[in-house]
Amino acid sequence: MNKTLLNLKRYYAALENLRRDTRHLVSMETYVGQGNMLVRTYSALHKGISSILDDPYLDALVLDLPEDATERQSAVQVSILTGQLLAYVEGTYEYLQAENEEKTEQDSPLKRDNSEESIIKRFGDVIDNDS
């Protein structure tokens, strides 16, 4: 597994936990005193993901809170954006994983070109080596 996939897997787990926690905080209205921590956590995850993936879509997922944002506004926005970023990371991870598996399969010495021309060439190589 390549480094990008490993990093995405790590970020995915952190995003999943943040989403679960913020959903709980918002639904139970227990976000008082948590806003700054949630904002810092989300911002750090977003920054890390942006450093490994170059996609303009990530710019749309930056927190956009007013200076006088309430704890509730912070928690709700983090919850929403975390869900969006989580879906993006999951989709990107699956795409890159499939691409990586396809490349590995193509590079495999077990995968042979079974076209008629290739078989004739291999047969000729075997005959030449036996002579």
Protein backbone atom coordinates (compact mmCIF):
# COMPACT_ATOMS: atom_id res chain seq x y z
CA MET A 1 0.00 0.00 0.00
CA ASN A 2 1.46 3.36 -0.96
CA LYS A 3 2.03 6.28 1.40
CA THR A 4 -0.96 8.32 0.14
CA LEU A 5 -3.32 5.41 0.80
CA LEU A 6 -1.89 4.90 4.28
CA ASN A 7 -2.27 8.59 5.11
CA LEU A 8 -5.84 8.68 3.78
CA LYS A 9 -6.72 5.64 5.86
CA ARG A 10 -5.36 7.37 8.96
CA TYR A 11 -7.23 10.59 8.21
CA TYR A 12 -10.40 8.66 7.47
CA ALA A 13 -10.38 7.11 10.95
CA ALA A 14 -9.82 10.50 12.58
CA LEU A 15 -12.61 12.10 10.52
CA GLU A 16 -14.99 9.30 11.41
CA ASN A 17 -14.36 9.87 15.11
CA LEU A 18 -14.68 13.65 14.79
CA ARG A 19 -17.95 13.31 12.91
CA ARG A 20 -19.39 10.90 15.46
CA ASP A 21 -18.33 13.16 18.34
CA THR A 22 -19.64 16.39 16.79
CA ARG A 23 -22.95 14.80 15.84
CA HIS A 24 -23.33 13.66 19.43
CA LEU A 25 -22.38 17.08 20.82
CA VAL A 26 -24.82 18.87 18.51
CA SER A 27 -27.73 16.48 19.06
CA MET A 28 -27.27 16.53 22.85
CA GLU A 29 -26.47 20.27 22.83
CA THR A 30 -23.33 19.66 24.87
CA TYR A 31 -20.97 21.69 22.68
CA VAL A 32 -20.41 24.51 25.21
CA GLY A 33 -16.67 24.88 25.71
CA GLN A 34 -15.94 22.58 22.77
CA GLY A 35 -16.11 24.97 19.79
CA ASN A 36 -12.46 26.01 19.65
CA MET A 37 -11.23 22.45 20.08
CA LEU A 38 -13.53 21.20 17.31
CA VAL A 39 -12.41 23.99 14.97
CA ARG A 40 -8.72 23.28 15.66
CA THR A 41 -9.18 19.55 15.16
CA TYR A 42 -11.10 19.90 11.91
CA SER A 43 -8.68 22.53 10.60
CA ALA A 44 -5.69 20.29 11.33
CA LEU A 45 -7.30 17.31 9.57
CA HIS A 46 -8.28 19.46 6.58
CA LYS A 47 -4.78 20.90 6.35
CA GLY A 48 -3.20 17.44 6.50
CA ILE A 49 -5.48 16.05 3.81
CA SER A 50 -4.89 19.11 1.63
CA SER A 51 -1.14 18.54 1.93
CA ILE A 52 -1.37 15.07 0.39
CA LEU A 53 -4.15 15.66 -2.15
CA ASP A 54 -4.08 18.48 -4.65
CA ASP A 55 -7.74 19.10 -5.38
CA PRO A 56 -9.48 22.50 -5.61
CA TYR A 57 -12.60 20.89 -4.14
CA LEU A 58 -10.86 20.85 -0.76
CA ASP A 59 -10.89 24.67 -0.76
CA ALA A 60 -14.69 24.51 -0.53
CA LEU A 61 -14.39 22.52 2.69
CA VAL A 62 -12.51 25.14 4.68
CA LEU A 63 -14.28 26.36 7.81
CA ASP A 64 -15.95 29.72 7.25
CA LEU A 65 -17.03 31.00 10.65
CA PRO A 66 -17.75 34.59 11.59
CA GLU A 67 -15.38 36.08 14.18
CA ASP A 68 -18.15 36.08 16.77
CA ALA A 69 -19.27 32.50 16.03
CA THR A 70 -21.10 30.76 18.82
CA GLU A 71 -20.12 27.37 20.14
CA ARG A 72 -23.19 25.94 18.39
CA GLN A 73 -22.27 27.52 15.04
CA SER A 74 -18.76 26.11 15.32
CA ALA A 75 -19.97 22.62 16.25
CA VAL A 76 -22.62 22.52 13.52
CA GLN A 77 -20.26 23.73 10.82
CA VAL A 78 -17.56 21.27 11.89
CA SER A 79 -20.12 18.48 11.87
CA ILE A 80 -21.34 19.31 8.37
CA LEU A 81 -17.90 19.83 6.86
CA THR A 82 -16.53 16.73 8.53
CA GLY A 83 -19.24 14.69 6.82
CA GLN A 84 -18.35 16.22 3.46
CA LEU A 85 -14.61 15.72 3.95
CA LEU A 86 -15.17 12.17 5.17
CA ALA A 87 -17.15 11.31 2.03
CA TYR A 88 -14.45 12.88 -0.15
CA VAL A 89 -11.62 11.00 1.59
CA GLU A 90 -13.53 7.73 1.40
CA GLY A 91 -14.20 8.12 -2.31
CA THR A 92 -10.63 9.16 -3.04
CA TYR A 93 -9.26 6.28 -0.98
CA GLU A 94 -11.40 3.75 -2.85
CA TYR A 95 -10.42 5.24 -6.22
CA LEU A 96 -6.69 5.25 -5.43
CA GLN A 97 -6.86 1.76 -3.96
CA ALA A 98 -8.52 0.39 -7.10
CA GLU A 99 -6.01 2.24 -9.28
CA ASN A 100 -3.13 0.87 -7.18
CA GLU A 101 -4.47 -2.70 -7.38
CA GLU A 102 -4.89 -2.39 -11.15
CA LYS A 103 -1.32 -1.13 -11.53
CA THR A 104 0.03 -3.89 -9.30
CA GLU A 105 -1.90 -6.46 -11.30
CA GLN A 106 -0.51 -5.10 -14.58
CA ASP A 107 3.04 -5.15 -13.22
CA SER A 108 2.67 -8.71 -11.95
CA PRO A 109 4.91 -11.26 -13.65
CA LEU A 110 2.00 -13.69 -13.35
CA LYS A 111 -0.13 -11.60 -15.66
CA ARG A 112 0.92 -12.52 -19.17
CA ASP A 113 0.01 -11.22 -22.54
CA ASN A 114 -1.86 -14.16 -24.02
CA SER A 115 -2.23 -12.75 -27.49
CA GLU A 116 -1.31 -15.08 -30.33
CA GLU A 117 1.75 -13.00 -31.18
CA SER A 118 3.02 -13.15 -27.60
CA ILE A 119 2.48 -16.91 -27.34
CA ILE A 120 4.38 -17.48 -30.61
CA LYS A 121 7.23 -15.29 -29.37
CA ARG A 122 7.43 -17.15 -26.03
CA PHE A 123 7.29 -20.49 -27.85
CA GLY A 124 10.12 -19.31 -30.12
CA ASP A 125 12.16 -18.24 -27.09
CA VAL A 126 11.70 -21.69 -25.52
CA ILE A 127 12.76 -23.45 -28.77
CA ASP A 128 15.81 -21.16 -29.12
CA ASN A 129 16.85 -21.88 -25.53
CA ASP A 130 16.57 -25.64 -26.03
CA SER A 131 18.84 -25.61 -29.13
